C-alpha atoms as a PDB file:
ATOM      1  CA  UNK A   1     -10.169 -12.339 -20.705  1.00  0.00           C
ATOM      2  CA  UNK A   2      -6.471 -13.530 -20.829  1.00  0.00           C
ATOM      3  CA  UNK A   3      -3.986 -11.997 -19.209  1.00  0.00           C
ATOM      4  CA  UNK A   4      -1.931 -11.505 -22.770  1.00  0.00           C
ATOM      5  CA  UNK A   5      -5.702  -9.134 -23.963  1.00  0.00           C
ATOM      6  CA  UNK A   6      -5.655  -7.433 -20.294  1.00  0.00           C
ATOM      7  CA  UNK A   7      -2.285  -6.072 -20.477  1.00  0.00           C
ATOM      8  CA  UNK A   8      -2.808  -5.120 -24.590  1.00  0.00           C
ATOM      9  CA  UNK A   9      -6.138  -3.043 -23.413  1.00  0.00           C
ATOM     10  CA  UNK A  10      -3.920  -1.524 -20.793  1.00  0.00           C
ATOM     11  CA  UNK A  11      -1.160  -0.550 -22.655  1.00  0.00           C
ATOM     12  CA  UNK A  12      -3.681   0.706 -25.379  1.00  0.00           C
ATOM     13  CA  UNK A  13      -5.555   3.186 -22.650  1.00  0.00           C
ATOM     14  CA  UNK A  14      -2.491   4.293 -20.990  1.00  0.00           C
ATOM     15  CA  UNK A  15      -1.714   6.042 -24.157  1.00  0.00           C
ATOM     16  CA  UNK A  16      -4.740   8.236 -23.969  1.00  0.00           C
ATOM     17  CA  UNK A  17      -4.373   8.530 -20.026  1.00  0.00           C
ATOM     18  CA  UNK A  18      -2.271  10.939 -19.046  1.00  0.00           C
ATOM     19  CA  UNK A  19      -3.890  13.553 -21.547  1.00  0.00           C
ATOM     20  CA  UNK A  20      -6.555  13.699 -18.921  1.00  0.00           C
ATOM     21  CA  UNK A  21      -4.987  13.262 -15.609  1.00  0.00           C
ATOM     22  CA  UNK A  22      -3.694  15.737 -12.946  1.00  0.00           C
ATOM     23  CA  UNK A  23      -0.464  17.037 -13.212  1.00  0.00           C
ATOM     24  CA  UNK A  24       1.558  15.099 -10.769  1.00  0.00           C
ATOM     25  CA  UNK A  25       0.187  11.660 -12.241  1.00  0.00           C
ATOM     26  CA  UNK A  26       0.372  12.706 -15.657  1.00  0.00           C
ATOM     27  CA  UNK A  27       4.172  12.848 -15.071  1.00  0.00           C
ATOM     28  CA  UNK A  28       4.438   9.664 -13.130  1.00  0.00           C
ATOM     29  CA  UNK A  29       2.612   7.585 -15.762  1.00  0.00           C
ATOM     30  CA  UNK A  30       4.607   9.040 -18.639  1.00  0.00           C
ATOM     31  CA  UNK A  31       8.158   8.270 -16.822  1.00  0.00           C
ATOM     32  CA  UNK A  32       7.079   4.843 -15.829  1.00  0.00           C
ATOM     33  CA  UNK A  33       4.838   4.050 -17.909  1.00  0.00           C
ATOM     34  CA  UNK A  34       5.980   0.271 -17.971  1.00  0.00           C
ATOM     35  CA  UNK A  35       5.813   0.275 -13.983  1.00  0.00           C
ATOM     36  CA  UNK A  36       2.491   1.762 -14.291  1.00  0.00           C
ATOM     37  CA  UNK A  37       1.064  -1.003 -16.721  1.00  0.00           C
ATOM     38  CA  UNK A  38       2.685  -3.742 -14.281  1.00  0.00           C
ATOM     39  CA  UNK A  39       0.959  -2.421 -11.300  1.00  0.00           C
ATOM     40  CA  UNK A  40      -2.272  -1.967 -13.083  1.00  0.00           C
ATOM     41  CA  UNK A  41      -2.034  -5.838 -14.633  1.00  0.00           C
ATOM     42  CA  UNK A  42      -1.401  -6.661 -11.121  1.00  0.00           C
ATOM     43  CA  UNK A  43      -4.734  -5.045 -10.184  1.00  0.00           C
ATOM     44  CA  UNK A  44      -6.840  -6.865 -12.838  1.00  0.00           C
ATOM     45  CA  UNK A  45      -5.306  -9.976 -11.820  1.00  0.00           C
ATOM     46  CA  UNK A  46      -5.758  -9.868  -8.004  1.00  0.00           C
ATOM     47  CA  UNK A  47      -9.227  -7.538  -8.024  1.00  0.00           C
ATOM     48  CA  UNK A  48     -11.073 -10.449  -6.385  1.00  0.00           C
ATOM     49  CA  UNK A  49      -8.833 -10.633  -3.577  1.00  0.00           C
ATOM     50  CA  UNK A  50      -8.684  -6.972  -3.243  1.00  0.00           C
ATOM     51  CA  UNK A  51     -12.670  -6.968  -3.147  1.00  0.00           C
ATOM     52  CA  UNK A  52     -12.805  -9.802  -0.367  1.00  0.00           C
ATOM     53  CA  UNK A  53     -10.048  -7.326   1.988  1.00  0.00           C
ATOM     54  CA  UNK A  54     -12.061  -4.286   0.881  1.00  0.00           C
ATOM     55  CA  UNK A  55     -15.109  -5.711   2.877  1.00  0.00           C
ATOM     56  CA  UNK A  56     -12.622  -5.806   6.211  1.00  0.00           C
ATOM     57  CA  UNK A  57     -11.273  -2.715   5.184  1.00  0.00           C
ATOM     58  CA  UNK A  58     -14.894  -0.674   5.133  1.00  0.00           C
ATOM     59  CA  UNK A  59     -13.580   0.807   1.878  1.00  0.00           C
ATOM     60  CA  UNK A  60     -13.900  -0.007  -1.594  1.00  0.00           C
ATOM     61  CA  UNK A  61     -11.747  -1.946  -3.758  1.00  0.00           C
ATOM     62  CA  UNK A  62     -10.582   0.619  -5.866  1.00  0.00           C
ATOM     63  CA  UNK A  63      -9.283   2.865  -2.767  1.00  0.00           C
ATOM     64  CA  UNK A  64      -7.676  -0.192  -1.147  1.00  0.00           C
ATOM     65  CA  UNK A  65      -5.449  -0.489  -4.101  1.00  0.00           C
ATOM     66  CA  UNK A  66      -4.862   3.022  -5.096  1.00  0.00           C
ATOM     67  CA  UNK A  67      -3.388   3.243  -1.492  1.00  0.00           C
ATOM     68  CA  UNK A  68      -0.317   0.661  -1.941  1.00  0.00           C
ATOM     69  CA  UNK A  69      -0.244   1.209  -5.774  1.00  0.00           C
ATOM     70  CA  UNK A  70       2.578   3.265  -6.051  1.00  0.00           C
ATOM     71  CA  UNK A  71       4.830   1.000  -4.410  1.00  0.00           C
ATOM     72  CA  UNK A  72       3.214  -2.100  -6.626  1.00  0.00           C
ATOM     73  CA  UNK A  73       4.704  -0.454  -9.230  1.00  0.00           C
ATOM     74  CA  UNK A  74       7.958   0.398  -8.272  1.00  0.00           C
ATOM     75  CA  UNK A  75       8.100  -3.453  -6.653  1.00  0.00           C
ATOM     76  CA  UNK A  76      10.307  -4.517 -10.052  1.00  0.00           C
ATOM     77  CA  UNK A  77      12.761  -1.668  -9.468  1.00  0.00           C
ATOM     78  CA  UNK A  78      13.669  -2.760  -5.932  1.00  0.00           C
ATOM     79  CA  UNK A  79      14.107  -6.463  -5.849  1.00  0.00           C
ATOM     80  CA  UNK A  80      17.196  -7.428  -4.370  1.00  0.00           C
ATOM     81  CA  UNK A  81      17.214 -11.151  -3.206  1.00  0.00           C
ATOM     82  CA  UNK A  82      21.048 -11.070  -1.617  1.00  0.00           C
ATOM     83  CA  UNK A  83      20.367  -7.719   0.284  1.00  0.00           C
ATOM     84  CA  UNK A  84      16.728  -8.321   1.235  1.00  0.00           C
ATOM     85  CA  UNK A  85      18.086 -12.100   2.727  1.00  0.00           C
ATOM     86  CA  UNK A  86      20.589 -10.619   4.812  1.00  0.00           C
ATOM     87  CA  UNK A  87      18.066  -7.983   5.997  1.00  0.00           C
ATOM     88  CA  UNK A  88      15.292 -10.531   6.657  1.00  0.00           C
ATOM     89  CA  UNK A  89      17.896 -12.726   9.105  1.00  0.00           C
ATOM     90  CA  UNK A  90      19.335  -9.440  10.790  1.00  0.00           C
ATOM     91  CA  UNK A  91      15.598  -8.342  11.879  1.00  0.00           C
ATOM     92  CA  UNK A  92      14.853 -11.837  12.732  1.00  0.00           C
ATOM     93  CA  UNK A  93      18.098 -12.313  15.399  1.00  0.00           C
ATOM     94  CA  UNK A  94      18.214  -8.642  16.383  1.00  0.00           C
ATOM     95  CA  UNK A  95      14.797  -6.653  16.198  1.00  0.00           C
ATOM     96  CA  UNK A  96      13.594  -3.710  13.945  1.00  0.00           C
ATOM     97  CA  UNK A  97      16.081  -1.155  16.104  1.00  0.00           C
ATOM     98  CA  UNK A  98      19.056  -3.141  13.590  1.00  0.00           C
ATOM     99  CA  UNK A  99      17.150  -4.100  10.860  1.00  0.00           C
ATOM    100  CA  UNK A 100      13.448  -1.952   9.467  1.00  0.00           C
ATOM    101  CA  UNK A 101      13.228  -3.046   5.684  1.00  0.00           C
ATOM    102  CA  UNK A 102      10.011  -2.973   2.949  1.00  0.00           C
ATOM    103  CA  UNK A 103       8.798  -6.461   2.033  1.00  0.00           C
ATOM    104  CA  UNK A 104       6.881  -7.532  -0.904  1.00  0.00           C
ATOM    105  CA  UNK A 105       4.286  -6.067  -3.524  1.00  0.00           C
ATOM    106  CA  UNK A 106       3.258  -3.494  -0.833  1.00  0.00           C
ATOM    107  CA  UNK A 107       6.487  -3.100   0.729  1.00  0.00           C
ATOM    108  CA  UNK A 108       5.281  -3.145   4.107  1.00  0.00           C
ATOM    109  CA  UNK A 109       8.508  -3.052   7.131  1.00  0.00           C
ATOM    110  CA  UNK A 110       8.047  -5.012  10.517  1.00  0.00           C
ATOM    111  CA  UNK A 111       8.357  -1.856  12.109  1.00  0.00           C
ATOM    112  CA  UNK A 112       4.732  -1.405  10.540  1.00  0.00           C
ATOM    113  CA  UNK A 113       3.046  -4.440  11.765  1.00  0.00           C
ATOM    114  CA  UNK A 114       4.252  -4.127  14.874  1.00  0.00           C
ATOM    115  CA  UNK A 115       2.473  -0.805  14.934  1.00  0.00           C
ATOM    116  CA  UNK A 116      -0.640  -2.556  13.425  1.00  0.00           C
ATOM    117  CA  UNK A 117      -0.594  -5.236  16.355  1.00  0.00           C
ATOM    118  CA  UNK A 118       0.030  -3.118  19.076  1.00  0.00           C
ATOM    119  CA  UNK A 119      -3.100  -0.952  17.518  1.00  0.00           C
ATOM    120  CA  UNK A 120      -5.489  -3.759  18.090  1.00  0.00           C
ATOM    121  CA  UNK A 121      -4.178  -4.173  21.863  1.00  0.00           C
ATOM    122  CA  UNK A 122      -5.521  -1.007  21.933  1.00  0.00           C
ATOM    123  CA  UNK A 123      -9.109  -1.239  20.751  1.00  0.00           C
ATOM    124  CA  UNK A 124     -11.175  -4.173  21.562  1.00  0.00           C
ATOM    125  CA  UNK A 125     -13.190  -3.340  18.363  1.00  0.00           C
ATOM    126  CA  UNK A 126      -9.739  -4.185  16.190  1.00  0.00           C
ATOM    127  CA  UNK A 127      -8.998  -7.047  18.464  1.00  0.00           C
ATOM    128  CA  UNK A 128     -12.166  -8.907  17.674  1.00  0.00           C
ATOM    129  CA  UNK A 129     -12.455  -7.909  14.160  1.00  0.00           C
ATOM    130  CA  UNK A 130      -8.640  -9.412  13.606  1.00  0.00           C
ATOM    131  CA  UNK A 131      -8.038 -11.896  16.117  1.00  0.00           C
ATOM    132  CA  UNK A 132      -5.631 -13.579  13.629  1.00  0.00           C
ATOM    133  CA  UNK A 133      -3.166 -10.824  13.517  1.00  0.00           C
ATOM    134  CA  UNK A 134      -2.237 -10.778  17.331  1.00  0.00           C
ATOM    135  CA  UNK A 135       0.744 -12.919  17.980  1.00  0.00           C
ATOM    136  CA  UNK A 136       1.773 -14.069  21.616  1.00  0.00           C
ATOM    137  CA  UNK A 137       4.924 -13.248  22.918  1.00  0.00           C
ATOM    138  CA  UNK A 138       5.430 -10.290  20.586  1.00  0.00           C
ATOM    139  CA  UNK A 139       9.126  -9.141  21.326  1.00  0.00           C
ATOM    140  CA  UNK A 140      10.712 -12.805  20.785  1.00  0.00           C
ATOM    141  CA  UNK A 141      12.355 -14.151  17.860  1.00  0.00           C
ATOM    142  CA  UNK A 142       9.626 -16.204  16.898  1.00  0.00           C
ATOM    143  CA  UNK A 143       7.647 -13.496  16.802  1.00  0.00           C
ATOM    144  CA  UNK A 144       9.746 -11.751  14.349  1.00  0.00           C
ATOM    145  CA  UNK A 145      10.165 -15.178  11.719  1.00  0.00           C
ATOM    146  CA  UNK A 146       6.315 -15.278  12.079  1.00  0.00           C
ATOM    147  CA  UNK A 147       6.033 -11.715  10.874  1.00  0.00           C
ATOM    148  CA  UNK A 148       8.729 -12.088   8.333  1.00  0.00           C
ATOM    149  CA  UNK A 149       6.547 -15.343   7.014  1.00  0.00           C
ATOM    150  CA  UNK A 150       3.299 -13.326   7.064  1.00  0.00           C
ATOM    151  CA  UNK A 151       4.728 -10.315   5.183  1.00  0.00           C
ATOM    152  CA  UNK A 152       6.271 -12.473   2.301  1.00  0.00           C
ATOM    153  CA  UNK A 153       2.475 -13.754   1.670  1.00  0.00           C
ATOM    154  CA  UNK A 154       0.021 -11.171  -0.883  1.00  0.00           C
ATOM    155  CA  UNK A 155      -3.005 -12.984   1.658  1.00  0.00           C
ATOM    156  CA  UNK A 156      -1.331 -11.373   4.538  1.00  0.00           C
ATOM    157  CA  UNK A 157      -0.167  -7.887   3.110  1.00  0.00           C
ATOM    158  CA  UNK A 158      -3.841  -7.801   2.194  1.00  0.00           C
ATOM    159  CA  UNK A 159      -5.321  -8.225   5.854  1.00  0.00           C
ATOM    160  CA  UNK A 160      -2.532  -5.698   6.951  1.00  0.00           C
ATOM    161  CA  UNK A 161      -3.840  -3.040   4.772  1.00  0.00           C
ATOM    162  CA  UNK A 162      -7.198  -3.846   5.634  1.00  0.00           C
ATOM    163  CA  UNK A 163      -6.394  -3.844   9.277  1.00  0.00           C
ATOM    164  CA  UNK A 164      -4.351  -0.441   8.353  1.00  0.00           C
ATOM    165  CA  UNK A 165      -7.514   1.058   6.762  1.00  0.00           C
ATOM    166  CA  UNK A 166      -9.429  -0.031   9.882  1.00  0.00           C
ATOM    167  CA  UNK A 167      -6.875   1.712  12.749  1.00  0.00           C
ATOM    168  CA  UNK A 168      -7.204   5.263  10.321  1.00  0.00           C
ATOM    169  CA  UNK A 169     -10.614   4.695  10.912  1.00  0.00           C
ATOM    170  CA  UNK A 170     -10.040   4.071  14.830  1.00  0.00           C
ATOM    171  CA  UNK A 171      -7.805   6.676  15.154  1.00  0.00           C
ATOM    172  CA  UNK A 172      -9.289   9.816  12.939  1.00  0.00           C
ATOM    173  CA  UNK A 173     -12.713   8.842  13.909  1.00  0.00           C
ATOM    174  CA  UNK A 174     -13.810  12.651  14.159  1.00  0.00           C
ATOM    175  CA  UNK A 175     -11.904  13.285  10.887  1.00  0.00           C
ATOM    176  CA  UNK A 176     -14.295  14.209   8.510  1.00  0.00           C
ATOM    177  CA  UNK A 177     -13.815  14.448   4.378  1.00  0.00           C
ATOM    178  CA  UNK A 178     -15.074  16.896   1.509  1.00  0.00           C
ATOM    179  CA  UNK A 179     -14.579  13.925  -1.040  1.00  0.00           C
ATOM    180  CA  UNK A 180     -13.554  10.311  -1.440  1.00  0.00           C
ATOM    181  CA  UNK A 181     -10.417  11.968  -3.035  1.00  0.00           C
ATOM    182  CA  UNK A 182      -9.592  14.060   0.022  1.00  0.00           C
ATOM    183  CA  UNK A 183     -10.340  11.099   1.647  1.00  0.00           C
ATOM    184  CA  UNK A 184      -7.560   9.081  -0.164  1.00  0.00           C
ATOM    185  CA  UNK A 185      -4.787  11.452  -0.228  1.00  0.00           C
ATOM    186  CA  UNK A 186      -5.138  11.303   4.169  1.00  0.00           C
ATOM    187  CA  UNK A 187      -5.265   7.764   4.249  1.00  0.00           C
ATOM    188  CA  UNK A 188      -2.182   7.688   1.091  1.00  0.00           C
ATOM    189  CA  UNK A 189      -0.142   9.607   3.335  1.00  0.00           C
ATOM    190  CA  UNK A 190      -0.544   7.928   6.446  1.00  0.00           C
ATOM    191  CA  UNK A 191       0.422   4.743   5.073  1.00  0.00           C
ATOM    192  CA  UNK A 192       3.627   6.459   3.444  1.00  0.00           C
ATOM    193  CA  UNK A 193       4.563   8.517   6.325  1.00  0.00           C
ATOM    194  CA  UNK A 194       2.970   6.787   8.992  1.00  0.00           C
ATOM    195  CA  UNK A 195      -0.594   6.212  10.931  1.00  0.00           C
ATOM    196  CA  UNK A 196       1.179   7.309  14.127  1.00  0.00           C
ATOM    197  CA  UNK A 197       1.650  10.994  12.884  1.00  0.00           C
ATOM    198  CA  UNK A 198      -1.017  13.274  13.894  1.00  0.00           C
ATOM    199  CA  UNK A 199      -4.083  14.428  11.534  1.00  0.00           C
ATOM    200  CA  UNK A 200      -3.145  17.674  10.646  1.00  0.00           C
ATOM    201  CA  UNK A 201       0.624  16.744   9.988  1.00  0.00           C
ATOM    202  CA  UNK A 202      -1.119  14.104   7.839  1.00  0.00           C
ATOM    203  CA  UNK A 203      -3.122  16.414   5.677  1.00  0.00           C
ATOM    204  CA  UNK A 204      -0.254  18.674   5.288  1.00  0.00           C
ATOM    205  CA  UNK A 205       1.542  16.416   4.151  1.00  0.00           C
ATOM    206  CA  UNK A 206       3.221  17.983   0.686  1.00  0.00           C
ATOM    207  CA  UNK A 207       6.438  16.876   0.186  1.00  0.00           C
ATOM    208  CA  UNK A 208       7.416  14.964  -2.954  1.00  0.00           C
ATOM    209  CA  UNK A 209       9.744  12.206  -1.941  1.00  0.00           C
ATOM    210  CA  UNK A 210       8.469   8.914  -4.222  1.00  0.00           C
ATOM    211  CA  UNK A 211       9.819   7.021  -5.517  1.00  0.00           C
ATOM    212  CA  UNK A 212      12.657   7.583  -3.142  1.00  0.00           C
ATOM    213  CA  UNK A 213      15.633   6.558  -5.231  1.00  0.00           C
ATOM    214  CA  UNK A 214      14.308   8.662  -7.906  1.00  0.00           C
ATOM    215  CA  UNK A 215      15.859  11.612  -8.950  1.00  0.00           C
ATOM    216  CA  UNK A 216      12.809  13.214 -10.025  1.00  0.00           C
ATOM    217  CA  UNK A 217      10.286  12.697  -7.112  1.00  0.00           C
ATOM    218  CA  UNK A 218       6.484  12.778  -6.358  1.00  0.00           C
ATOM    219  CA  UNK A 219       3.744  13.223  -3.875  1.00  0.00           C
ATOM    220  CA  UNK A 220       2.689  10.084  -3.072  1.00  0.00           C
ATOM    221  CA  UNK A 221      -0.680  10.703  -2.522  1.00  0.00           C
ATOM    222  CA  UNK A 222      -0.701  12.096  -6.289  1.00  0.00           C
ATOM    223  CA  UNK A 223       0.328   9.001  -7.663  1.00  0.00           C
ATOM    224  CA  UNK A 224      -2.575   7.014  -5.251  1.00  0.00           C
ATOM    225  CA  UNK A 225      -4.792   9.410  -6.674  1.00  0.00           C
ATOM    226  CA  UNK A 226      -3.644   8.978 -10.344  1.00  0.00           C
ATOM    227  CA  UNK A 227      -4.426   4.992  -9.637  1.00  0.00           C
ATOM    228  CA  UNK A 228      -7.500   5.603  -7.901  1.00  0.00           C
ATOM    229  CA  UNK A 229      -8.877   7.327 -11.221  1.00  0.00           C
ATOM    230  CA  UNK A 230      -7.585   5.428 -13.577  1.00  0.00           C
ATOM    231  CA  UNK A 231      -8.056   1.680 -12.452  1.00  0.00           C
ATOM    232  CA  UNK A 232     -11.389   2.277 -12.766  1.00  0.00           C
ATOM    233  CA  UNK A 233     -10.708   3.483 -16.566  1.00  0.00           C
ATOM    234  CA  UNK A 234      -9.049   0.370 -17.198  1.00  0.00           C
ATOM    235  CA  UNK A 235     -11.776  -2.209 -15.653  1.00  0.00           C
ATOM    236  CA  UNK A 236     -14.349  -0.337 -18.374  1.00  0.00           C
ATOM    237  CA  UNK A 237     -11.943  -0.633 -21.286  1.00  0.00           C
ATOM    238  CA  UNK A 238     -11.543  -4.516 -20.583  1.00  0.00           C
END
């Protein structure tokens, strides 16, 4: 199926999705219908890449996409090349204390990557599974250049996303989830609020703060859950 057919199928199906979705997701999909179409189109275009990353992540491809889907849906509204270039330069020169900004489709920050790098050093299993992520001289200028270079590439963002899932599994290995949806909410909160928070705080994240600059905001985990439920319906409709 070509891209035009995919977009047409997504557009038709989105007309019916709000009727059967949870309240928070329904509002988001109505207000940001075009953005949801773009995100679901991105999912269908890159599904094979999500499939490959999911094997390393230990979750399904649809689950993996849903974690970052809210960010993917807002990506087109956030692009400011001049500002991004300036922030990249400042980060490379001075570090995350002076410039910590979001990059790429998944809106990952250099500080997020630095936290993942530290998590690898703290766990032998992660260090063995993700040796390519490690950077020597982590605090040096060349390391910051390399992080920015990686974050500009989708394959590396997928690598970091897979590592994020493994870090969450490692940090919260005793956590039990009653359903896949409850598990997704936890992972989405960890991605949005920070995986260094304790498990209780991540379970209790209930604030509506997404999108950050919008007047009407939603719970990030609710939007993730909407995409999780409906990316499978999109796939069946193809």
